[in-house]
Each structure stands twice: as structure tokens, then as C-alpha cells.
Amino acid sequence: NRFLPTLIHEFNHSFINHYLDESKYPEHVKQLETAA
């Protein structure tokens, strides 16, 4: 349990990061950029 959260964290990057890839999801970037 001490290392598991880190493992889950790193594993989740492969499911999350691509949603802000401008070449794949330009609308996400456009809609989120100002607020973020």
C-alpha cells in the first residue's frame, strides 16, 4: 500500500495525458486553455 498509489498514479498518465494532446484533441485544448 505504500507504493501502490505511486504505481496507480504513473499508470494513469497513459489514460489521461493524451486528452490534452493538441493534435488529437484540439477542441479540449481550446476550451480549457484560458481557464487552466
PDB file of all heavy atoms in Angstrom:
ATOM      1  N   ASN A   1       0.806  -1.217   0.000  1.00  0.00           N
ATOM      2  CA  ASN A   1       0.000   0.000   0.000  1.00  0.00           C
ATOM      3  C   ASN A   1       0.839   1.268   0.000  1.00  0.00           C
ATOM      4  O   ASN A   1       0.365   2.314  -0.419  1.00  0.00           O
ATOM      5  CB  ASN A   1      -0.962   0.013   1.188  1.00  0.00           C
ATOM      6  CG  ASN A   1      -2.187  -0.825   0.916  1.00  0.00           C
ATOM      7  OD1 ASN A   1      -2.369  -1.343  -0.184  1.00  0.00           O
ATOM      8  ND2 ASN A   1      -3.034  -0.976   1.915  1.00  0.00           N
ATOM      9  N   ARG A   2       2.068   1.180   0.437  1.00  0.00           N
ATOM     10  CA  ARG A   2       2.937   2.357   0.423  1.00  0.00           C
ATOM     11  C   ARG A   2       3.336   2.732  -1.012  1.00  0.00           C
ATOM     12  O   ARG A   2       3.433   3.902  -1.345  1.00  0.00           O
ATOM     13  CB  ARG A   2       4.177   2.082   1.262  1.00  0.00           C
ATOM     14  CG  ARG A   2       4.927   3.341   1.602  1.00  0.00           C
ATOM     15  CD  ARG A   2       6.041   3.096   2.601  1.00  0.00           C
ATOM     16  NE  ARG A   2       7.262   3.537   1.958  1.00  0.00           N
ATOM     17  CZ  ARG A   2       8.377   2.856   1.941  1.00  0.00           C
ATOM     18  NH1 ARG A   2       8.464   1.702   2.528  1.00  0.00           N
ATOM     19  NH2 ARG A   2       9.437   3.337   1.333  1.00  0.00           N
ATOM     20  N   PHE A   3       3.561   1.754  -1.866  1.00  0.00           N
ATOM     21  CA  PHE A   3       3.988   2.014  -3.234  1.00  0.00           C
ATOM     22  C   PHE A   3       2.834   1.999  -4.231  1.00  0.00           C
ATOM     23  O   PHE A   3       2.954   2.544  -5.322  1.00  0.00           O
ATOM     24  CB  PHE A   3       5.032   0.978  -3.676  1.00  0.00           C
ATOM     25  CG  PHE A   3       6.291   1.042  -2.875  1.00  0.00           C
ATOM     26  CD1 PHE A   3       6.596   0.054  -1.963  1.00  0.00           C
ATOM     27  CD2 PHE A   3       7.161   2.114  -3.018  1.00  0.00           C
ATOM     28  CE1 PHE A   3       7.756   0.114  -1.208  1.00  0.00           C
ATOM     29  CE2 PHE A   3       8.326   2.177  -2.264  1.00  0.00           C
ATOM     30  CZ  PHE A   3       8.625   1.182  -1.354  1.00  0.00           C
ATOM     31  N   LEU A   4       1.753   1.369  -3.864  1.00  0.00           N
ATOM     32  CA  LEU A   4       0.640   1.211  -4.796  1.00  0.00           C
ATOM     33  C   LEU A   4       0.087   2.541  -5.319  1.00  0.00           C
ATOM     34  O   LEU A   4      -0.151   2.664  -6.519  1.00  0.00           O
ATOM     35  CB  LEU A   4      -0.461   0.366  -4.161  1.00  0.00           C
ATOM     36  CG  LEU A   4      -1.508  -0.187  -5.109  1.00  0.00           C
ATOM     37  CD1 LEU A   4      -0.877  -0.984  -6.246  1.00  0.00           C
ATOM     38  CD2 LEU A   4      -2.489  -1.060  -4.346  1.00  0.00           C
ATOM     39  N   PRO A   5      -0.110   3.566  -4.489  1.00  0.00           N
ATOM     40  CA  PRO A   5      -0.589   4.838  -5.044  1.00  0.00           C
ATOM     41  C   PRO A   5       0.331   5.419  -6.122  1.00  0.00           C
ATOM     42  O   PRO A   5      -0.144   5.962  -7.121  1.00  0.00           O
ATOM     43  CB  PRO A   5      -0.673   5.753  -3.814  1.00  0.00           C
ATOM     44  CG  PRO A   5      -0.946   4.803  -2.689  1.00  0.00           C
ATOM     45  CD  PRO A   5      -0.100   3.590  -3.022  1.00  0.00           C
ATOM     46  N   THR A   6       1.645   5.256  -5.951  1.00  0.00           N
ATOM     47  CA  THR A   6       2.580   5.739  -6.979  1.00  0.00           C
ATOM     48  C   THR A   6       2.413   4.945  -8.267  1.00  0.00           C
ATOM     49  O   THR A   6       2.406   5.508  -9.365  1.00  0.00           O
ATOM     50  CB  THR A   6       4.032   5.640  -6.475  1.00  0.00           C
ATOM     51  OG1 THR A   6       4.152   6.417  -5.285  1.00  0.00           O
ATOM     52  CG2 THR A   6       5.017   6.132  -7.518  1.00  0.00           C
ATOM     53  N   LEU A   7       2.268   3.650  -8.140  1.00  0.00           N
ATOM     54  CA  LEU A   7       2.051   2.808  -9.315  1.00  0.00           C
ATOM     55  C   LEU A   7       0.768   3.204 -10.038  1.00  0.00           C
ATOM     56  O   LEU A   7       0.755   3.372 -11.266  1.00  0.00           O
ATOM     57  CB  LEU A   7       1.997   1.341  -8.895  1.00  0.00           C
ATOM     58  CG  LEU A   7       1.771   0.329 -10.007  1.00  0.00           C
ATOM     59  CD1 LEU A   7       2.930   0.355 -10.995  1.00  0.00           C
ATOM     60  CD2 LEU A   7       1.589  -1.064  -9.430  1.00  0.00           C
ATOM     61  N   ILE A   8      -0.320   3.387  -9.290  1.00  0.00           N
ATOM     62  CA  ILE A   8      -1.599   3.799  -9.872  1.00  0.00           C
ATOM     63  C   ILE A   8      -1.444   5.164 -10.548  1.00  0.00           C
ATOM     64  O   ILE A   8      -1.917   5.379 -11.665  1.00  0.00           O
ATOM     65  CB  ILE A   8      -2.708   3.852  -8.793  1.00  0.00           C
ATOM     66  CG1 ILE A   8      -2.903   2.482  -8.138  1.00  0.00           C
ATOM     67  CG2 ILE A   8      -4.010   4.403  -9.360  1.00  0.00           C
ATOM     68  CD1 ILE A   8      -3.312   1.383  -9.068  1.00  0.00           C
ATOM     69  N   HIS A   9      -0.763   6.084  -9.884  1.00  0.00           N
ATOM     70  CA  HIS A   9      -0.520   7.428 -10.427  1.00  0.00           C
ATOM     71  C   HIS A   9       0.171   7.343 -11.792  1.00  0.00           C
ATOM     72  O   HIS A   9      -0.322   7.889 -12.781  1.00  0.00           O
ATOM     73  CB  HIS A   9       0.336   8.220  -9.432  1.00  0.00           C
ATOM     74  CG  HIS A   9       0.743   9.567  -9.909  1.00  0.00           C
ATOM     75  ND1 HIS A   9       0.213  10.722  -9.394  1.00  0.00           N
ATOM     76  CD2 HIS A   9       1.630   9.956 -10.858  1.00  0.00           C
ATOM     77  CE1 HIS A   9       0.756  11.762 -10.011  1.00  0.00           C
ATOM     78  NE2 HIS A   9       1.630  11.311 -10.903  1.00  0.00           N
ATOM     79  N   GLU A  10       1.287   6.664 -11.822  1.00  0.00           N
ATOM     80  CA  GLU A  10       2.058   6.592 -13.071  1.00  0.00           C
ATOM     81  C   GLU A  10       1.305   5.847 -14.163  1.00  0.00           C
ATOM     82  O   GLU A  10       1.321   6.244 -15.327  1.00  0.00           O
ATOM     83  CB  GLU A  10       3.431   5.958 -12.819  1.00  0.00           C
ATOM     84  CG  GLU A  10       4.319   6.765 -11.897  1.00  0.00           C
ATOM     85  CD  GLU A  10       4.549   8.206 -12.351  1.00  0.00           C
ATOM     86  OE1 GLU A  10       4.521   8.484 -13.572  1.00  0.00           O
ATOM     87  OE2 GLU A  10       4.772   9.064 -11.479  1.00  0.00           O
ATOM     88  N   PHE A  11       0.627   4.798 -13.808  1.00  0.00           N
ATOM     89  CA  PHE A  11      -0.160   4.040 -14.776  1.00  0.00           C
ATOM     90  C   PHE A  11      -1.266   4.899 -15.382  1.00  0.00           C
ATOM     91  O   PHE A  11      -1.550   4.819 -16.580  1.00  0.00           O
ATOM     92  CB  PHE A  11      -0.753   2.814 -14.068  1.00  0.00           C
ATOM     93  CG  PHE A  11      -1.462   1.863 -14.990  1.00  0.00           C
ATOM     94  CD1 PHE A  11      -0.759   1.134 -15.931  1.00  0.00           C
ATOM     95  CD2 PHE A  11      -2.835   1.692 -14.903  1.00  0.00           C
ATOM     96  CE1 PHE A  11      -1.407   0.244 -16.777  1.00  0.00           C
ATOM     97  CE2 PHE A  11      -3.492   0.802 -15.739  1.00  0.00           C
ATOM     98  CZ  PHE A  11      -2.773   0.079 -16.680  1.00  0.00           C
ATOM     99  N   ASN A  12      -1.885   5.751 -14.577  1.00  0.00           N
ATOM    100  CA  ASN A  12      -2.990   6.580 -15.057  1.00  0.00           C
ATOM    101  C   ASN A  12      -2.567   7.638 -16.067  1.00  0.00           C
ATOM    102  O   ASN A  12      -3.402   8.105 -16.844  1.00  0.00           O
ATOM    103  CB  ASN A  12      -3.717   7.238 -13.885  1.00  0.00           C
ATOM    104  CG  ASN A  12      -4.813   6.350 -13.353  1.00  0.00           C
ATOM    105  OD1 ASN A  12      -5.635   5.866 -14.102  1.00  0.00           O
ATOM    106  ND2 ASN A  12      -4.812   6.142 -12.056  1.00  0.00           N
ATOM    107  N   HIS A  13      -1.312   8.025 -16.068  1.00  0.00           N
ATOM    108  CA  HIS A  13      -0.875   9.016 -17.059  1.00  0.00           C
ATOM    109  C   HIS A  13      -1.167   8.542 -18.486  1.00  0.00           C
ATOM    110  O   HIS A  13      -1.529   9.342 -19.347  1.00  0.00           O
ATOM    111  CB  HIS A  13       0.616   9.331 -16.908  1.00  0.00           C
ATOM    112  CG  HIS A  13       0.886  10.359 -15.876  1.00  0.00           C
ATOM    113  ND1 HIS A  13       0.495  11.672 -16.001  1.00  0.00           N
ATOM    114  CD2 HIS A  13       1.511  10.256 -14.673  1.00  0.00           C
ATOM    115  CE1 HIS A  13       0.870  12.348 -14.942  1.00  0.00           C
ATOM    116  NE2 HIS A  13       1.483  11.516 -14.110  1.00  0.00           N
ATOM    117  N   SER A  14      -1.041   7.251 -18.735  1.00  0.00           N
ATOM    118  CA  SER A  14      -1.290   6.748 -20.089  1.00  0.00           C
ATOM    119  C   SER A  14      -2.767   6.851 -20.480  1.00  0.00           C
ATOM    120  O   SER A  14      -3.091   6.827 -21.661  1.00  0.00           O
ATOM    121  CB  SER A  14      -0.791   5.308 -20.234  1.00  0.00           C
ATOM    122  OG  SER A  14      -1.478   4.458 -19.332  1.00  0.00           O
ATOM    123  N   PHE A  15      -3.641   6.989 -19.500  1.00  0.00           N
ATOM    124  CA  PHE A  15      -5.069   7.137 -19.786  1.00  0.00           C
ATOM    125  C   PHE A  15      -5.517   8.594 -19.827  1.00  0.00           C
ATOM    126  O   PHE A  15      -6.584   8.897 -20.354  1.00  0.00           O
ATOM    127  CB  PHE A  15      -5.907   6.405 -18.722  1.00  0.00           C
ATOM    128  CG  PHE A  15      -5.710   4.930 -18.742  1.00  0.00           C
ATOM    129  CD1 PHE A  15      -4.898   4.322 -17.793  1.00  0.00           C
ATOM    130  CD2 PHE A  15      -6.308   4.147 -19.712  1.00  0.00           C
ATOM    131  CE1 PHE A  15      -4.700   2.956 -17.806  1.00  0.00           C
ATOM    132  CE2 PHE A  15      -6.110   2.776 -19.741  1.00  0.00           C
ATOM    133  CZ  PHE A  15      -5.302   2.177 -18.785  1.00  0.00           C
ATOM    134  N   ILE A  16      -4.723   9.491 -19.270  1.00  0.00           N
ATOM    135  CA  ILE A  16      -5.135  10.886 -19.105  1.00  0.00           C
ATOM    136  C   ILE A  16      -4.426  11.850 -20.058  1.00  0.00           C
ATOM    137  O   ILE A  16      -5.061  12.693 -20.680  1.00  0.00           O
ATOM    138  CB  ILE A  16      -4.887  11.340 -17.639  1.00  0.00           C
ATOM    139  CG1 ILE A  16      -5.766  10.550 -16.673  1.00  0.00           C
ATOM    140  CG2 ILE A  16      -5.093  12.837 -17.469  1.00  0.00           C
ATOM    141  CD1 ILE A  16      -7.254  10.721 -16.852  1.00  0.00           C
ATOM    142  N   ASN A  17      -3.115  11.749 -20.153  1.00  0.00           N
ATOM    143  CA  ASN A  17      -2.330  12.794 -20.818  1.00  0.00           C
ATOM    144  C   ASN A  17      -2.742  13.080 -22.256  1.00  0.00           C
ATOM    145  O   ASN A  17      -2.673  14.223 -22.705  1.00  0.00           O
ATOM    146  CB  ASN A  17      -0.847  12.458 -20.770  1.00  0.00           C
ATOM    147  CG  ASN A  17      -0.277  12.570 -19.376  1.00  0.00           C
ATOM    148  OD1 ASN A  17      -1.001  12.727 -18.393  1.00  0.00           O
ATOM    149  ND2 ASN A  17       1.027  12.469 -19.267  1.00  0.00           N
ATOM    150  N   HIS A  18      -3.160  12.088 -22.996  1.00  0.00           N
ATOM    151  CA  HIS A  18      -3.457  12.305 -24.413  1.00  0.00           C
ATOM    152  C   HIS A  18      -4.664  13.214 -24.647  1.00  0.00           C
ATOM    153  O   HIS A  18      -4.813  13.770 -25.732  1.00  0.00           O
ATOM    154  CB  HIS A  18      -3.627  10.973 -25.144  1.00  0.00           C
ATOM    155  CG  HIS A  18      -4.845  10.216 -24.757  1.00  0.00           C
ATOM    156  ND1 HIS A  18      -4.903   9.424 -23.642  1.00  0.00           N
ATOM    157  CD2 HIS A  18      -6.066  10.143 -25.344  1.00  0.00           C
ATOM    158  CE1 HIS A  18      -6.105   8.883 -23.550  1.00  0.00           C
ATOM    159  NE2 HIS A  18      -6.826   9.305 -24.562  1.00  0.00           N
ATOM    160  N   TYR A  19      -5.508  13.416 -23.639  1.00  0.00           N
ATOM    161  CA  TYR A  19      -6.683  14.286 -23.828  1.00  0.00           C
ATOM    162  C   TYR A  19      -6.302  15.747 -24.010  1.00  0.00           C
ATOM    163  O   TYR A  19      -7.126  16.548 -24.462  1.00  0.00           O
ATOM    164  CB  TYR A  19      -7.670  14.141 -22.665  1.00  0.00           C
ATOM    165  CG  TYR A  19      -8.374  12.812 -22.678  1.00  0.00           C
ATOM    166  CD1 TYR A  19      -8.151  11.878 -21.680  1.00  0.00           C
ATOM    167  CD2 TYR A  19      -9.247  12.482 -23.714  1.00  0.00           C
ATOM    168  CE1 TYR A  19      -8.788  10.645 -21.695  1.00  0.00           C
ATOM    169  CE2 TYR A  19      -9.881  11.247 -23.737  1.00  0.00           C
ATOM    170  CZ  TYR A  19      -9.652  10.340 -22.727  1.00  0.00           C
ATOM    171  OH  TYR A  19     -10.276   9.127 -22.751  1.00  0.00           O
ATOM    172  N   LEU A  20      -5.072  16.111 -23.676  1.00  0.00           N
ATOM    173  CA  LEU A  20      -4.614  17.476 -23.918  1.00  0.00           C
ATOM    174  C   LEU A  20      -3.526  17.529 -24.986  1.00  0.00           C
ATOM    175  O   LEU A  20      -2.787  18.498 -25.077  1.00  0.00           O
ATOM    176  CB  LEU A  20      -4.132  18.116 -22.611  1.00  0.00           C
ATOM    177  CG  LEU A  20      -5.249  18.438 -21.625  1.00  0.00           C
ATOM    178  CD1 LEU A  20      -4.693  19.024 -20.346  1.00  0.00           C
ATOM    179  CD2 LEU A  20      -6.283  19.359 -22.245  1.00  0.00           C
ATOM    180  N   ASP A  21      -3.479  16.501 -25.824  1.00  0.00           N
ATOM    181  CA  ASP A  21      -2.600  16.499 -26.988  1.00  0.00           C
ATOM    182  C   ASP A  21      -3.323  17.292 -28.074  1.00  0.00           C
ATOM    183  O   ASP A  21      -4.362  16.863 -28.586  1.00  0.00           O
ATOM    184  CB  ASP A  21      -2.337  15.064 -27.442  1.00  0.00           C
ATOM    185  CG  ASP A  21      -1.424  14.973 -28.648  1.00  0.00           C
ATOM    186  OD1 ASP A  21      -1.315  15.958 -29.416  1.00  0.00           O
ATOM    187  OD2 ASP A  21      -0.833  13.901 -28.844  1.00  0.00           O
ATOM    188  N   GLU A  22      -2.779  18.454 -28.405  1.00  0.00           N
ATOM    189  CA  GLU A  22      -3.463  19.364 -29.327  1.00  0.00           C
ATOM    190  C   GLU A  22      -3.679  18.757 -30.710  1.00  0.00           C
ATOM    191  O   GLU A  22      -4.646  19.081 -31.393  1.00  0.00           O
ATOM    192  CB  GLU A  22      -2.692  20.678 -29.445  1.00  0.00           C
ATOM    193  CG  GLU A  22      -3.503  21.762 -30.114  1.00  0.00           C
ATOM    194  CD  GLU A  22      -2.932  23.139 -29.898  1.00  0.00           C
ATOM    195  OE1 GLU A  22      -1.738  23.268 -29.554  1.00  0.00           O
ATOM    196  OE2 GLU A  22      -3.693  24.102 -30.082  1.00  0.00           O
ATOM    197  N   SER A  23      -2.818  17.849 -31.133  1.00  0.00           N
ATOM    198  CA  SER A  23      -3.001  17.234 -32.452  1.00  0.00           C
ATOM    199  C   SER A  23      -4.161  16.242 -32.461  1.00  0.00           C
ATOM    200  O   SER A  23      -4.748  15.984 -33.503  1.00  0.00           O
ATOM    201  CB  SER A  23      -1.712  16.550 -32.905  1.00  0.00           C
ATOM    202  OG  SER A  23      -1.409  15.457 -32.073  1.00  0.00           O
ATOM    203  N   LYS A  24      -4.501  15.681 -31.287  1.00  0.00           N
ATOM    204  CA  LYS A  24      -5.591  14.709 -31.208  1.00  0.00           C
ATOM    205  C   LYS A  24      -6.891  15.322 -30.715  1.00  0.00           C
ATOM    206  O   LYS A  24      -7.972  14.935 -31.151  1.00  0.00           O
ATOM    207  CB  LYS A  24      -5.203  13.560 -30.273  1.00  0.00           C
ATOM    208  CG  LYS A  24      -4.064  12.729 -30.790  1.00  0.00           C
ATOM    209  CD  LYS A  24      -3.697  11.648 -29.809  1.00  0.00           C
ATOM    210  CE  LYS A  24      -2.487  10.872 -30.319  1.00  0.00           C
ATOM    211  NZ  LYS A  24      -1.986   9.949 -29.345  1.00  0.00           N
ATOM    212  N   TYR A  25      -6.786  16.254 -29.777  1.00  0.00           N
ATOM    213  CA  TYR A  25      -7.968  16.860 -29.158  1.00  0.00           C
ATOM    214  C   TYR A  25      -7.838  18.380 -29.121  1.00  0.00           C
ATOM    215  O   TYR A  25      -7.807  18.988 -28.049  1.00  0.00           O
ATOM    216  CB  TYR A  25      -8.167  16.323 -27.736  1.00  0.00           C
ATOM    217  CG  TYR A  25      -8.481  14.856 -27.683  1.00  0.00           C
ATOM    218  CD1 TYR A  25      -7.483  13.922 -27.430  1.00  0.00           C
ATOM    219  CD2 TYR A  25      -9.787  14.408 -27.874  1.00  0.00           C
ATOM    220  CE1 TYR A  25      -7.772  12.567 -27.385  1.00  0.00           C
ATOM    221  CE2 TYR A  25     -10.084  13.052 -27.824  1.00  0.00           C
ATOM    222  CZ  TYR A  25      -9.072  12.139 -27.572  1.00  0.00           C
ATOM    223  OH  TYR A  25      -9.366  10.805 -27.524  1.00  0.00           O
ATOM    224  N   PRO A  26      -7.766  19.007 -30.296  1.00  0.00           N
ATOM    225  CA  PRO A  26      -7.581  20.468 -30.307  1.00  0.00           C
ATOM    226  C   PRO A  26      -8.719  21.217 -29.611  1.00  0.00           C
ATOM    227  O   PRO A  26      -8.499  22.275 -29.020  1.00  0.00           O
ATOM    228  CB  PRO A  26      -7.514  20.810 -31.798  1.00  0.00           C
ATOM    229  CG  PRO A  26      -8.171  19.664 -32.494  1.00  0.00           C
ATOM    230  CD  PRO A  26      -7.913  18.466 -31.640  1.00  0.00           C
ATOM    231  N   GLU A  27      -9.906  20.674 -29.647  1.00  0.00           N
ATOM    232  CA  GLU A  27     -11.054  21.336 -29.018  1.00  0.00           C
ATOM    233  C   GLU A  27     -10.914  21.340 -27.493  1.00  0.00           C
ATOM    234  O   GLU A  27     -11.269  22.318 -26.842  1.00  0.00           O
ATOM    235  CB  GLU A  27     -12.346  20.632 -29.452  1.00  0.00           C
ATOM    236  CG  GLU A  27     -13.572  21.478 -29.570  1.00  0.00           C
ATOM    237  CD  GLU A  27     -13.416  22.851 -30.208  1.00  0.00           C
ATOM    238  OE1 GLU A  27     -12.775  23.010 -31.260  1.00  0.00           O
ATOM    239  OE2 GLU A  27     -13.964  23.797 -29.611  1.00  0.00           O
ATOM    240  N   HIS A  28     -10.391  20.273 -26.930  1.00  0.00           N
ATOM    241  CA  HIS A  28     -10.160  20.237 -25.482  1.00  0.00           C
ATOM    242  C   HIS A  28      -9.194  21.352 -25.086  1.00  0.00           C
ATOM    243  O   HIS A  28      -9.440  22.082 -24.120  1.00  0.00           O
ATOM    244  CB  HIS A  28      -9.558  18.906 -25.044  1.00  0.00           C
ATOM    245  CG  HIS A  28     -10.503  17.757 -25.110  1.00  0.00           C
ATOM    246  ND1 HIS A  28     -10.101  16.478 -24.861  1.00  0.00           N
ATOM    247  CD2 HIS A  28     -11.824  17.672 -25.374  1.00  0.00           C
ATOM    248  CE1 HIS A  28     -11.125  15.651 -24.977  1.00  0.00           C
ATOM    249  NE2 HIS A  28     -12.179  16.355 -25.295  1.00  0.00           N
ATOM    250  N   VAL A  29      -8.105  21.456 -25.831  1.00  0.00           N
ATOM    251  CA  VAL A  29      -7.091  22.464 -25.526  1.00  0.00           C
ATOM    252  C   VAL A  29      -7.696  23.854 -25.662  1.00  0.00           C
ATOM    253  O   VAL A  29      -7.543  24.698 -24.767  1.00  0.00           O
ATOM    254  CB  VAL A  29      -5.855  22.293 -26.436  1.00  0.00           C
ATOM    255  CG1 VAL A  29      -4.877  23.431 -26.250  1.00  0.00           C
ATOM    256  CG2 VAL A  29      -5.190  20.941 -26.173  1.00  0.00           C
ATOM    257  N   LYS A  30      -8.405  24.074 -26.738  1.00  0.00           N
ATOM    258  CA  LYS A  30      -9.007  25.390 -26.993  1.00  0.00           C
ATOM    259  C   LYS A  30      -9.991  25.772 -25.884  1.00  0.00           C
ATOM    260  O   LYS A  30      -9.987  26.905 -25.402  1.00  0.00           O
ATOM    261  CB  LYS A  30      -9.718  25.373 -28.347  1.00  0.00           C
ATOM    262  CG  LYS A  30     -10.380  26.666 -28.734  1.00  0.00           C
ATOM    263  CD  LYS A  30     -11.081  26.530 -30.071  1.00  0.00           C
ATOM    264  CE  LYS A  30     -11.910  27.757 -30.378  1.00  0.00           C
ATOM    265  NZ  LYS A  30     -12.726  27.569 -31.584  1.00  0.00           N
ATOM    266  N   GLN A  31     -10.826  24.833 -25.482  1.00  0.00           N
ATOM    267  CA  GLN A  31     -11.848  25.130 -24.479  1.00  0.00           C
ATOM    268  C   GLN A  31     -11.273  25.282 -23.075  1.00  0.00           C
ATOM    269  O   GLN A  31     -11.832  26.005 -22.257  1.00  0.00           O
ATOM    270  CB  GLN A  31     -12.905  24.029 -24.476  1.00  0.00           C
ATOM    271  CG  GLN A  31     -13.767  24.013 -25.710  1.00  0.00           C
ATOM    272  CD  GLN A  31     -14.777  22.886 -25.666  1.00  0.00           C
ATOM    273  OE1 GLN A  31     -15.104  22.356 -24.618  1.00  0.00           O
ATOM    274  NE2 GLN A  31     -15.268  22.510 -26.840  1.00  0.00           N
ATOM    275  N   LEU A  32     -10.192  24.632 -22.790  1.00  0.00           N
ATOM    276  CA  LEU A  32      -9.652  24.604 -21.435  1.00  0.00           C
ATOM    277  C   LEU A  32      -8.542  25.618 -21.203  1.00  0.00           C
ATOM    278  O   LEU A  32      -8.312  26.042 -20.062  1.00  0.00           O
ATOM    279  CB  LEU A  32      -9.137  23.190 -21.142  1.00  0.00           C
ATOM    280  CG  LEU A  32      -8.766  22.804 -19.726  1.00  0.00           C
ATOM    281  CD1 LEU A  32      -9.887  23.126 -18.750  1.00  0.00           C
ATOM    282  CD2 LEU A  32      -8.441  21.330 -19.678  1.00  0.00           C
ATOM    283  N   GLU A  33      -7.888  26.048 -22.245  1.00  0.00           N
ATOM    284  CA  GLU A  33      -6.661  26.833 -22.116  1.00  0.00           C
ATOM    285  C   GLU A  33      -6.805  28.090 -21.261  1.00  0.00           C
ATOM    286  O   GLU A  33      -6.000  28.324 -20.351  1.00  0.00           O
ATOM    287  CB  GLU A  33      -6.127  27.210 -23.501  1.00  0.00           C
ATOM    288  CG  GLU A  33      -4.799  27.912 -23.450  1.00  0.00           C
ATOM    289  CD  GLU A  33      -4.179  28.071 -24.819  1.00  0.00           C
ATOM    290  OE1 GLU A  33      -4.889  27.939 -25.840  1.00  0.00           O
ATOM    291  OE2 GLU A  33      -2.970  28.331 -24.857  1.00  0.00           O
ATOM    292  N   THR A  34      -7.801  28.905 -21.497  1.00  0.00           N
ATOM    293  CA  THR A  34      -7.931  30.168 -20.765  1.00  0.00           C
ATOM    294  C   THR A  34      -8.120  29.927 -19.277  1.00  0.00           C
ATOM    295  O   THR A  34      -7.407  30.491 -18.442  1.00  0.00           O
ATOM    296  CB  THR A  34      -9.098  31.009 -21.331  1.00  0.00           C
ATOM    297  OG1 THR A  34      -8.837  31.265 -22.717  1.00  0.00           O
ATOM    298  CG2 THR A  34      -9.241  32.314 -20.590  1.00  0.00           C
ATOM    299  N   ALA A  35      -9.069  29.072 -18.928  1.00  0.00           N
ATOM    300  CA  ALA A  35      -9.337  28.794 -17.508  1.00  0.00           C
ATOM    301  C   ALA A  35      -8.134  28.129 -16.848  1.00  0.00           C
ATOM    302  O   ALA A  35      -7.746  28.495 -15.728  1.00  0.00           O
ATOM    303  CB  ALA A  35     -10.569  27.921 -17.379  1.00  0.00           C
ATOM    304  N   ALA A  36      -7.550  27.162 -17.517  1.00  0.00           N
ATOM    305  CA  ALA A  36      -6.417  26.445 -16.929  1.00  0.00           C
ATOM    306  C   ALA A  36      -5.210  27.364 -16.765  1.00  0.00           C
ATOM    307  O   ALA A  36      -4.459  27.232 -15.789  1.00  0.00           O
ATOM    308  CB  ALA A  36      -6.066  25.233 -17.781  1.00  0.00           C
TER     309      ALA A  36
END
